[in-house]
N, C-alpha and C. Protein backbone atom coordinates (compact mmCIF):
# COMPACT_ATOMS: atom_id res chain seq x y z
N UNK A 1 0.75 -1.33 -0.11
CA UNK A 1 0.32 0.14 0.05
C UNK A 1 0.80 1.51 0.00
N UNK A 2 2.17 1.00 0.37
CA UNK A 2 3.00 2.34 1.02
C UNK A 2 3.62 2.80 -0.58
N UNK A 3 3.69 1.86 -1.46
CA UNK A 3 4.13 2.30 -2.93
C UNK A 3 3.20 3.30 -3.71
N UNK A 4 1.94 3.03 -3.37
CA UNK A 4 0.82 3.89 -3.95
C UNK A 4 0.69 5.40 -3.61
N UNK A 5 0.99 5.31 -2.21
CA UNK A 5 1.02 6.83 -1.46
C UNK A 5 2.30 7.33 -1.46
N UNK A 6 3.58 6.72 -1.76
CA UNK A 6 4.93 7.10 -1.68
C UNK A 6 4.86 8.41 -2.72
N UNK A 7 5.51 9.66 -2.61
CA UNK A 7 6.03 10.52 -3.20
C UNK A 7 7.34 10.50 -4.15
N UNK A 8 7.19 10.32 -5.36
CA UNK A 8 8.37 10.02 -6.11
C UNK A 8 9.03 11.11 -6.69
N UNK A 9 8.15 12.13 -6.96
CA UNK A 9 8.66 13.44 -7.46
C UNK A 9 9.50 14.04 -6.22
N UNK A 10 11.18 14.69 -6.94
CA UNK A 10 11.77 15.14 -6.06
C UNK A 10 11.35 16.43 -5.21
N UNK A 11 11.71 16.93 -4.24
CA UNK A 11 11.16 18.01 -3.72
C UNK A 11 11.38 19.34 -4.53
N UNK A 12 10.58 20.21 -4.34
CA UNK A 12 10.67 21.61 -5.18
C UNK A 12 10.62 22.62 -4.25
N UNK A 13 11.50 23.49 -4.61
CA UNK A 13 11.91 24.70 -3.98
C UNK A 13 10.60 25.39 -3.97
N UNK A 14 10.20 26.26 -2.97
CA UNK A 14 9.18 26.94 -2.93
C UNK A 14 9.06 28.10 -4.03
N UNK A 15 10.11 28.66 -4.01
CA UNK A 15 10.59 29.83 -5.53
C UNK A 15 10.03 29.04 -6.71
N UNK A 16 10.63 28.03 -6.70
CA UNK A 16 10.83 27.41 -8.30
C UNK A 16 8.90 27.03 -8.47
N UNK A 17 8.33 26.54 -7.41
CA UNK A 17 6.98 26.19 -7.47
C UNK A 17 6.16 27.30 -8.02
N UNK A 18 6.50 28.80 -7.14
CA UNK A 18 5.99 29.84 -7.45
C UNK A 18 6.32 30.41 -8.84
N UNK A 19 7.33 30.14 -9.18
CA UNK A 19 7.78 31.02 -10.60
C UNK A 19 6.73 29.94 -11.88
N UNK A 20 6.77 28.59 -11.15
CA UNK A 20 5.92 27.98 -12.39
C UNK A 20 4.65 28.13 -12.50
N UNK A 21 4.23 28.29 -11.27
CA UNK A 21 2.62 29.11 -11.66
C UNK A 21 2.67 30.49 -12.18
N UNK A 22 3.50 31.42 -11.83
CA UNK A 22 3.44 32.62 -12.39
C UNK A 22 3.65 32.43 -13.90
N UNK A 23 4.70 31.65 -14.46
CA UNK A 23 4.93 31.19 -15.71
C UNK A 23 3.72 30.67 -16.57
N UNK A 24 2.98 29.81 -15.84
CA UNK A 24 1.75 29.63 -16.29
C UNK A 24 0.69 30.60 -16.37
N UNK A 25 0.62 31.34 -15.63
CA UNK A 25 -0.33 32.47 -15.36
C UNK A 25 -0.12 33.51 -16.69
N UNK A 26 1.09 33.82 -16.97
CA UNK A 26 1.42 34.50 -17.94
C UNK A 26 1.35 34.14 -19.37
N UNK A 27 1.64 32.81 -19.35
CA UNK A 27 1.38 32.03 -20.70
C UNK A 27 -0.14 32.15 -21.03
N UNK A 28 -1.11 31.80 -20.09
CA UNK A 28 -2.28 31.62 -20.53
C UNK A 28 -2.96 33.04 -20.61
N UNK A 29 -2.38 33.81 -19.90
CA UNK A 29 -3.05 35.36 -19.99
C UNK A 29 -2.48 35.83 -21.25
N UNK A 30 -1.40 35.41 -21.86
CA UNK A 30 -1.19 35.74 -23.12
C UNK A 30 -2.01 35.06 -24.12
N UNK A 31 -2.37 34.02 -24.14
CA UNK A 31 -2.87 33.15 -25.02
C UNK A 31 -4.55 33.93 -24.75
N UNK A 32 -4.92 33.97 -23.77
CA UNK A 32 -6.27 34.46 -23.53
C UNK A 32 -6.90 35.86 -23.91
N UNK A 33 -5.50 36.74 -23.67
CA UNK A 33 -5.34 37.95 -23.80
C UNK A 33 -5.76 38.19 -25.49
N UNK A 34 -4.55 37.65 -26.15
CA UNK A 34 -4.81 37.63 -27.74
C UNK A 34 -6.06 37.20 -28.31
N UNK A 35 -6.70 36.05 -27.33
CA UNK A 35 -8.06 35.18 -28.03
C UNK A 35 -9.02 36.74 -27.99
N UNK A 36 -9.09 37.38 -26.91
CA UNK A 36 -9.75 38.34 -26.64
C UNK A 36 -9.62 39.64 -27.91
N UNK A 37 -8.45 40.19 -27.94
CA UNK A 37 -7.89 41.18 -28.83
C UNK A 37 -8.55 40.72 -30.38
N UNK A 38 -7.81 39.53 -30.38
CA UNK A 38 -8.15 39.19 -32.18
C UNK A 38 -9.72 38.53 -32.50
N UNK A 39 -10.44 38.47 -31.25
CA UNK A 39 -11.53 37.89 -31.19
C UNK A 39 -11.64 36.38 -32.23
N UNK A 40 -10.42 35.31 -31.68
CA UNK A 40 -10.34 34.26 -32.25
C UNK A 40 -10.13 33.33 -31.07
N UNK A 41 -10.80 32.20 -30.97
CA UNK A 41 -10.39 31.60 -29.60
C UNK A 41 -9.03 30.86 -30.14
N UNK A 42 -8.26 31.13 -28.83
CA UNK A 42 -6.90 30.50 -28.87
C UNK A 42 -6.51 29.61 -27.65
N UNK A 43 -7.56 29.50 -26.65
CA UNK A 43 -7.41 28.58 -25.43
C UNK A 43 -7.69 27.15 -25.73
N UNK A 44 -7.70 26.06 -25.31
CA UNK A 44 -8.11 25.03 -25.31
C UNK A 44 -7.70 24.07 -24.20
N UNK A 45 -8.62 23.38 -23.13
CA UNK A 45 -8.27 22.79 -22.25
C UNK A 45 -6.96 22.16 -21.91
N UNK A 46 -6.45 21.35 -22.92
CA UNK A 46 -4.93 20.66 -23.07
C UNK A 46 -3.98 21.82 -22.59
N UNK A 47 -3.93 23.04 -22.99
CA UNK A 47 -2.99 24.03 -22.94
C UNK A 47 -2.82 24.22 -21.39
N UNK A 48 -3.50 23.82 -20.24
CA UNK A 48 -3.38 24.22 -18.91
C UNK A 48 -2.23 22.61 -18.69
N UNK A 49 -2.50 21.57 -19.26
CA UNK A 49 -1.49 20.75 -18.68
C UNK A 49 -0.19 20.75 -19.63
N UNK A 50 -0.24 21.59 -20.87
CA UNK A 50 1.04 21.90 -21.36
C UNK A 50 1.60 22.82 -20.57
N UNK A 51 1.08 23.73 -20.15
CA UNK A 51 1.67 24.65 -18.86
C UNK A 51 2.23 23.90 -18.04
N UNK A 52 1.76 22.96 -17.34
CA UNK A 52 2.49 22.32 -16.29
C UNK A 52 3.60 21.72 -16.86
N UNK A 53 3.85 21.24 -17.74
CA UNK A 53 4.88 20.70 -18.32
C UNK A 53 6.19 21.94 -18.79
N UNK A 54 5.29 22.97 -19.47
CA UNK A 54 6.39 24.03 -19.76
C UNK A 54 7.22 24.73 -18.69
N UNK A 55 6.59 24.70 -17.66
CA UNK A 55 6.93 25.66 -16.55
C UNK A 55 7.37 24.67 -15.23
N UNK A 56 6.89 23.61 -15.20
CA UNK A 56 7.18 22.91 -13.80
C UNK A 56 8.58 21.86 -14.30
N UNK A 57 8.31 21.49 -15.46
CA UNK A 57 9.50 20.35 -15.71
C UNK A 57 10.31 20.89 -17.13
N UNK A 58 10.95 21.95 -17.35
CA UNK A 58 10.89 22.48 -18.64
C UNK A 58 12.34 21.87 -19.16
N UNK A 59 12.96 20.87 -18.44
CA UNK A 59 14.10 20.22 -18.93
C UNK A 59 13.73 18.97 -19.23
N UNK A 60 12.19 18.57 -19.40
CA UNK A 60 11.86 17.12 -19.55
C UNK A 60 11.66 16.95 -21.40
N UNK A 61 12.03 16.00 -21.75
CA UNK A 61 12.35 15.81 -23.34
C UNK A 61 10.65 16.31 -23.87
N UNK A 62 9.50 15.72 -22.87
CA UNK A 62 8.14 16.08 -23.16
C UNK A 62 7.68 17.58 -23.26
N UNK A 63 8.48 18.40 -22.73
CA UNK A 63 8.40 19.80 -22.61
C UNK A 63 9.03 20.77 -23.47
N UNK A 64 9.81 20.03 -24.63
CA UNK A 64 10.85 20.74 -25.56
C UNK A 64 9.55 21.31 -26.89
N UNK A 65 10.23 22.53 -27.29
CA UNK A 65 9.40 23.02 -28.31
C UNK A 65 8.80 22.09 -29.42
N UNK A 66 9.70 21.29 -29.90
CA UNK A 66 8.99 19.96 -30.88
C UNK A 66 7.83 19.07 -30.57
N UNK A 67 8.09 18.95 -29.17
CA UNK A 67 7.02 17.91 -28.70
C UNK A 67 5.91 18.97 -28.39
N UNK A 68 5.92 20.18 -27.80
CA UNK A 68 4.60 20.94 -27.84
C UNK A 68 3.80 21.01 -28.82
N UNK A 69 4.70 21.84 -29.81
CA UNK A 69 3.86 22.34 -30.92
C UNK A 69 3.64 20.99 -31.90
N UNK A 70 4.55 20.34 -32.21
CA UNK A 70 4.41 19.03 -32.96
C UNK A 70 3.57 17.90 -32.33
N UNK A 71 3.37 17.81 -31.20
CA UNK A 71 2.57 16.99 -30.48
C UNK A 71 1.12 17.24 -30.54
N UNK A 72 0.81 18.56 -30.42
CA UNK A 72 -0.65 19.48 -30.51
C UNK A 72 -1.03 19.24 -31.70
N UNK A 73 -0.01 19.38 -32.96
CA UNK A 73 -0.32 19.49 -34.20
C UNK A 73 -0.84 18.06 -34.90
N UNK A 74 0.23 17.22 -34.51
CA UNK A 74 0.08 15.92 -35.01
C UNK A 74 -1.42 15.35 -34.42
N UNK A 75 -1.74 15.38 -33.16
CA UNK A 75 -2.75 14.94 -32.55
C UNK A 75 -4.16 15.78 -33.26
N UNK A 76 -4.04 16.84 -33.71
CA UNK A 76 -5.07 17.44 -34.09
C UNK A 76 -5.19 17.14 -35.46
N UNK A 77 -4.35 17.00 -36.29
CA UNK A 77 -4.48 16.35 -37.78
C UNK A 77 -5.24 15.06 -37.72
N UNK A 78 -4.35 14.23 -36.89
CA UNK A 78 -5.41 12.70 -36.63
C UNK A 78 -6.43 12.97 -36.13
N UNK A 79 -7.02 13.85 -35.29
CA UNK A 79 -8.41 13.89 -34.71
C UNK A 79 -9.35 14.62 -35.88
N UNK A 80 -8.84 15.35 -36.66
CA UNK A 80 -9.63 16.00 -37.45
C UNK A 80 -10.04 15.29 -38.47
N UNK A 81 -9.13 14.18 -39.12
CA UNK A 81 -9.14 12.95 -40.06
C UNK A 81 -10.13 12.16 -39.38
N UNK A 82 -9.89 11.80 -38.31
CA UNK A 82 -10.88 10.64 -37.72
C UNK A 82 -12.20 11.31 -37.63
N UNK A 83 -12.49 12.32 -37.04
CA UNK A 83 -13.82 12.98 -37.08
C UNK A 83 -14.50 13.01 -37.98
N UNK A 84 -13.81 13.17 -39.10
CA UNK A 84 -14.43 13.53 -40.76
C UNK A 84 -15.14 12.20 -40.88
N UNK A 85 -14.70 11.18 -40.54
CA UNK A 85 -15.43 9.62 -41.00
C UNK A 85 -15.82 8.90 -39.67
N UNK A 86 -15.74 9.16 -38.70
CA UNK A 86 -16.18 8.27 -37.29
C UNK A 86 -17.10 9.18 -36.49
N UNK A 87 -18.16 8.44 -35.63
CA UNK A 87 -19.11 9.24 -34.83
C UNK A 87 -18.30 9.57 -33.73
N UNK A 88 -18.66 10.64 -32.95
CA UNK A 88 -18.02 10.69 -31.73
C UNK A 88 -18.56 10.22 -30.51
N UNK A 89 -18.23 8.98 -30.82
CA UNK A 89 -18.47 7.98 -29.57
C UNK A 89 -17.21 7.63 -28.65
N UNK A 90 -17.59 6.97 -27.90
CA UNK A 90 -16.55 6.56 -26.61
C UNK A 90 -15.38 5.63 -27.51
N UNK A 91 -15.83 4.89 -28.29
CA UNK A 91 -14.62 4.07 -29.07
C UNK A 91 -13.94 4.61 -29.98
N UNK A 92 -14.52 5.70 -30.68
CA UNK A 92 -13.92 6.72 -31.58
C UNK A 92 -12.90 7.57 -30.85
N UNK A 93 -13.36 8.12 -29.80
CA UNK A 93 -12.49 8.71 -29.14
C UNK A 93 -11.21 7.78 -28.73
N UNK A 94 -11.30 6.71 -28.31
CA UNK A 94 -10.43 5.72 -27.57
C UNK A 94 -9.35 5.42 -28.82
N UNK A 95 -9.73 5.35 -29.97
CA UNK A 95 -8.92 5.18 -31.17
C UNK A 95 -8.23 6.41 -31.53
N UNK A 96 -9.20 7.51 -31.36
CA UNK A 96 -8.08 8.88 -31.66
C UNK A 96 -7.05 8.98 -30.48
N UNK A 97 -7.42 8.66 -29.36
CA UNK A 97 -5.91 8.71 -28.46
C UNK A 97 -5.20 7.89 -28.62
N UNK A 98 -5.45 6.60 -28.77
CA UNK A 98 -4.66 5.48 -29.31
C UNK A 98 -3.52 5.67 -30.34
N UNK A 99 -3.91 6.19 -31.39
CA UNK A 99 -3.71 6.73 -32.70
C UNK A 99 -2.75 7.71 -32.49
N UNK A 100 -3.07 8.69 -31.96
CA UNK A 100 -2.11 10.01 -31.45
C UNK A 100 -1.05 9.65 -30.73
N UNK A 101 -1.43 8.68 -29.48
CA UNK A 101 -0.06 8.22 -28.71
C UNK A 101 0.95 7.53 -29.60
N UNK A 102 0.47 6.48 -30.47
CA UNK A 102 1.43 5.74 -31.38
C UNK A 102 2.08 6.55 -32.12
N UNK A 103 1.51 7.61 -33.05
CA UNK A 103 2.20 8.48 -33.74
C UNK A 103 3.15 9.28 -33.10
N UNK A 104 2.84 10.14 -32.19
CA UNK A 104 3.62 10.80 -31.65
C UNK A 104 5.18 10.29 -30.97
N UNK A 105 4.67 8.94 -30.81
CA UNK A 105 6.08 8.08 -29.96
C UNK A 105 6.90 7.45 -31.17
N UNK A 106 6.14 7.29 -32.31
CA UNK A 106 7.33 6.90 -33.45
C UNK A 106 7.76 7.85 -34.11
N UNK A 107 7.36 9.41 -34.29
CA UNK A 107 7.87 10.66 -34.47
C UNK A 107 8.78 11.41 -33.64
N UNK A 108 8.75 10.77 -32.28
CA UNK A 108 9.41 10.87 -31.04
C UNK A 108 9.27 12.32 -30.76
N UNK A 109 7.79 12.80 -30.92
CA UNK A 109 7.48 14.05 -30.23
C UNK A 109 6.39 13.93 -29.19
N UNK A 110 6.71 13.23 -28.47
CA UNK A 110 5.30 12.68 -27.42
C UNK A 110 5.01 14.17 -26.78
N UNK A 111 3.93 14.49 -26.38
CA UNK A 111 3.53 15.53 -25.63
C UNK A 111 2.38 15.07 -24.99
N UNK A 112 2.50 14.85 -23.61
CA UNK A 112 1.04 14.00 -22.93
C UNK A 112 0.13 14.65 -23.15
N UNK A 113 -0.15 16.01 -22.85
CA UNK A 113 -1.43 17.00 -23.01
C UNK A 113 -1.95 16.97 -24.04
N UNK A 114 -1.17 16.49 -25.53
CA UNK A 114 -1.87 16.23 -26.55
C UNK A 114 -2.52 15.08 -26.72
N UNK A 115 -2.31 14.19 -25.90
CA UNK A 115 -3.25 13.10 -25.78
C UNK A 115 -5.07 13.16 -25.72
N UNK A 116 -5.07 14.43 -25.01
CA UNK A 116 -6.41 14.74 -24.63
C UNK A 116 -7.13 15.61 -26.06
N UNK A 117 -6.20 16.01 -26.86
CA UNK A 117 -6.80 16.82 -28.15
C UNK A 117 -7.64 16.05 -28.62
N UNK A 118 -7.56 14.72 -29.13
CA UNK A 118 -8.77 14.06 -29.83
C UNK A 118 -10.26 13.84 -29.13
N UNK A 119 -9.93 14.07 -27.74
CA UNK A 119 -11.11 13.93 -27.07
C UNK A 119 -11.95 15.24 -27.42
N UNK A 120 -11.32 16.38 -27.09
CA UNK A 120 -11.59 17.63 -27.46
C UNK A 120 -12.23 17.82 -28.58
N UNK A 121 -11.42 17.59 -29.46
CA UNK A 121 -11.65 17.79 -31.05
C UNK A 121 -12.98 17.05 -31.56
N UNK A 122 -13.16 15.49 -31.12
CA UNK A 122 -13.89 14.77 -31.57
C UNK A 122 -15.23 15.18 -30.92
N UNK A 123 -15.29 15.51 -29.86
CA UNK A 123 -16.64 16.12 -29.24
C UNK A 123 -17.00 17.43 -29.89
N UNK A 124 -16.13 18.26 -30.02
CA UNK A 124 -16.43 19.86 -30.55
C UNK A 124 -16.79 20.00 -31.83
N UNK A 125 -16.06 18.70 -32.72
CA UNK A 125 -16.23 18.87 -34.22
C UNK A 125 -15.97 20.16 -35.00
N UNK A 126 -14.66 20.71 -34.46
CA UNK A 126 -14.23 21.99 -35.32
C UNK A 126 -14.09 21.64 -36.66
N UNK A 127 -13.61 22.65 -37.38
CA UNK A 127 -13.53 22.63 -38.71
C UNK A 127 -11.83 22.85 -38.71
N UNK A 128 -11.47 22.62 -40.00
CA UNK A 128 -9.84 22.55 -40.32
C UNK A 128 -8.98 24.02 -39.38
N UNK A 129 -9.52 24.89 -39.53
CA UNK A 129 -9.30 26.00 -38.99
C UNK A 129 -8.85 25.88 -37.55
N UNK A 130 -9.14 24.73 -36.91
CA UNK A 130 -8.87 24.57 -35.53
C UNK A 130 -7.39 24.17 -35.23
N UNK A 131 -6.93 23.72 -36.56
CA UNK A 131 -5.55 23.31 -36.48
C UNK A 131 -4.58 24.71 -36.46
N UNK A 132 -5.30 25.60 -36.87
CA UNK A 132 -4.23 26.85 -36.77
C UNK A 132 -4.40 27.57 -35.62
N UNK A 133 -5.72 27.66 -35.39
CA UNK A 133 -6.38 28.60 -34.28
C UNK A 133 -7.30 27.85 -33.55
N UNK A 134 -7.03 27.29 -32.43
CA UNK A 134 -6.25 27.72 -31.28
C UNK A 134 -4.72 26.85 -31.34
N UNK A 135 -4.74 25.53 -32.19
CA UNK A 135 -3.97 24.62 -31.79
C UNK A 135 -2.58 25.16 -32.28
N UNK A 136 -1.93 25.56 -33.48
CA UNK A 136 -0.82 25.85 -33.97
C UNK A 136 -0.42 27.21 -32.89
N UNK A 137 -1.09 28.27 -33.37
CA UNK A 137 -1.10 29.92 -32.89
C UNK A 137 -0.74 29.45 -31.27
N UNK A 138 -1.74 28.65 -30.29
CA UNK A 138 -1.52 28.74 -29.16
C UNK A 138 -0.63 28.19 -28.78
N UNK A 139 -0.12 26.94 -29.49
CA UNK A 139 1.14 26.41 -28.94
C UNK A 139 2.50 27.32 -29.16
N UNK A 140 2.51 27.75 -30.24
CA UNK A 140 3.65 28.71 -30.44
C UNK A 140 3.57 29.84 -29.28
N UNK A 141 2.49 30.17 -29.27
CA UNK A 141 2.69 31.32 -28.03
C UNK A 141 3.27 31.04 -26.65
N UNK A 142 2.34 29.77 -26.25
CA UNK A 142 2.97 28.87 -24.95
C UNK A 142 4.81 28.78 -24.93
N UNK A 143 4.86 28.52 -26.18
CA UNK A 143 6.30 27.84 -26.07
C UNK A 143 7.29 29.55 -26.08
N UNK A 144 6.70 30.26 -26.87
CA UNK A 144 7.55 31.73 -26.73
C UNK A 144 7.30 32.45 -25.51
N UNK A 145 6.36 32.21 -24.70
CA UNK A 145 6.27 32.78 -23.09
C UNK A 145 7.32 31.95 -22.44
N UNK A 146 7.37 30.57 -22.53
CA UNK A 146 8.03 29.66 -21.89
C UNK A 146 9.72 30.07 -21.79
N UNK A 147 10.16 30.48 -23.10
CA UNK A 147 11.12 30.56 -23.19
C UNK A 147 11.74 32.08 -22.81
N UNK A 148 10.82 33.05 -22.99
CA UNK A 148 10.65 34.19 -21.98
C UNK A 148 10.93 34.13 -20.57
N UNK A 149 10.26 33.43 -19.99
CA UNK A 149 10.02 33.35 -18.73
C UNK A 149 11.39 32.88 -18.21
N UNK A 150 11.58 31.71 -18.98
CA UNK A 150 12.63 30.74 -18.35
C UNK A 150 14.13 31.62 -18.52
N UNK A 151 14.10 32.26 -19.48
CA UNK A 151 15.23 33.12 -19.77
C UNK A 151 15.55 34.09 -18.72
N UNK A 152 14.41 34.80 -17.96
CA UNK A 152 14.40 35.83 -17.31
C UNK A 152 14.71 35.12 -15.79
N UNK A 153 14.73 33.99 -15.75
CA UNK A 153 15.02 33.26 -14.30
C UNK A 153 16.07 32.70 -14.45
N UNK A 154 16.55 32.48 -15.67
CA UNK A 154 17.87 31.61 -15.68
C UNK A 154 17.82 30.02 -16.01
N UNK A 155 16.92 29.99 -16.21
CA UNK A 155 16.54 28.34 -16.74
C UNK A 155 16.48 28.12 -18.04
N UNK A 156 17.35 27.09 -18.40
CA UNK A 156 17.64 26.81 -19.77
C UNK A 156 16.67 26.08 -20.30
N UNK A 157 15.73 26.83 -21.44
CA UNK A 157 15.04 26.43 -22.08
C UNK A 157 15.00 27.27 -23.38
N UNK A 158 14.78 26.34 -24.55
CA UNK A 158 14.74 24.81 -24.72
C UNK A 158 15.94 24.24 -24.48
N UNK A 159 16.18 23.08 -24.42
CA UNK A 159 17.59 22.36 -24.19
C UNK A 159 18.14 22.15 -25.28
N UNK A 160 19.60 22.11 -25.30
CA UNK A 160 20.20 22.24 -26.43
C UNK A 160 20.36 20.81 -27.15
N UNK A 161 20.60 20.58 -28.32
CA UNK A 161 20.18 19.48 -29.24
C UNK A 161 21.22 18.51 -28.44
N UNK A 162 20.72 17.34 -28.68
CA UNK A 162 21.95 15.96 -28.04
C UNK A 162 22.43 15.58 -29.22
N UNK A 163 23.61 15.42 -29.02
CA UNK A 163 24.50 14.83 -30.47
C UNK A 163 24.16 13.50 -30.70
N UNK A 164 23.80 12.88 -31.78
CA UNK A 164 23.74 11.39 -31.94
C UNK A 164 24.92 10.34 -31.51
N UNK A 165 24.68 9.35 -30.88
CA UNK A 165 25.61 8.77 -30.57
C UNK A 165 25.57 7.76 -31.77
N UNK A 166 27.14 7.78 -32.44
CA UNK A 166 27.07 6.72 -33.55
C UNK A 166 27.82 5.30 -33.10
N UNK A 167 27.57 4.54 -33.50
CA UNK A 167 28.31 3.19 -33.19
C UNK A 167 29.53 2.97 -34.08
N UNK A 168 30.66 2.44 -33.26
CA UNK A 168 31.93 2.56 -33.95
C UNK A 168 32.12 1.46 -35.15
N UNK A 169 32.82 2.06 -36.13
CA UNK A 169 32.80 1.26 -37.15
C UNK A 169 33.17 -0.24 -36.98
N UNK A 170 32.55 -1.39 -37.88
CA UNK A 170 32.98 -2.53 -37.39
C UNK A 170 34.49 -2.81 -38.03
N UNK A 171 34.99 -3.88 -37.16
CA UNK A 171 36.51 -3.83 -37.68
C UNK A 171 36.35 -4.99 -38.25
N UNK A 172 37.45 -4.85 -39.25
CA UNK A 172 37.67 -6.11 -40.26
C UNK A 172 38.28 -7.12 -39.70
N UNK A 173 38.29 -8.32 -40.12
CA UNK A 173 39.13 -9.38 -39.72
C UNK A 173 40.62 -9.46 -40.54
N UNK A 174 41.77 -9.59 -39.91
CA UNK A 174 43.15 -9.23 -40.38
C UNK A 174 43.20 -10.86 -41.23
N UNK A 175 42.42 -11.94 -40.86
CA UNK A 175 42.83 -13.26 -41.51
C UNK A 175 42.03 -13.33 -42.81
């Protein structure tokens, strides 16, 4: 029973927790404010979860710009395609989520909040423009705010690319 209630997450300094909350507040205010100014909906529920990753664990591979933007875009494309020929039933939503997770994994752009996109999209039945607003533009704004906030606090974001590890060339037999 103890393993179910044990906290595996390392302790977080109160300052860092506060900065995570402030960063999320600023990011969602930017997206929401632009929504009002442009009279274009730019907010969607999964962006709240995206902020958790962007501001609480910015060094996670799941928080990197390609994962945030690519994950939401891929999830949305899959969902819009599925919604064009599947009814908005529980099993169609499950197919959407499962397919989204699979494709993000294959493309190495996994972003957990994007796993909720098929549910939002297949239930709301938006048009193709949903891919651009709120998904693409909203994701870009969130990443831009994350970069600005982290730069101002000295946190490295995004991570520097990792050099690929190459295998040594096979040795030829002298015989």
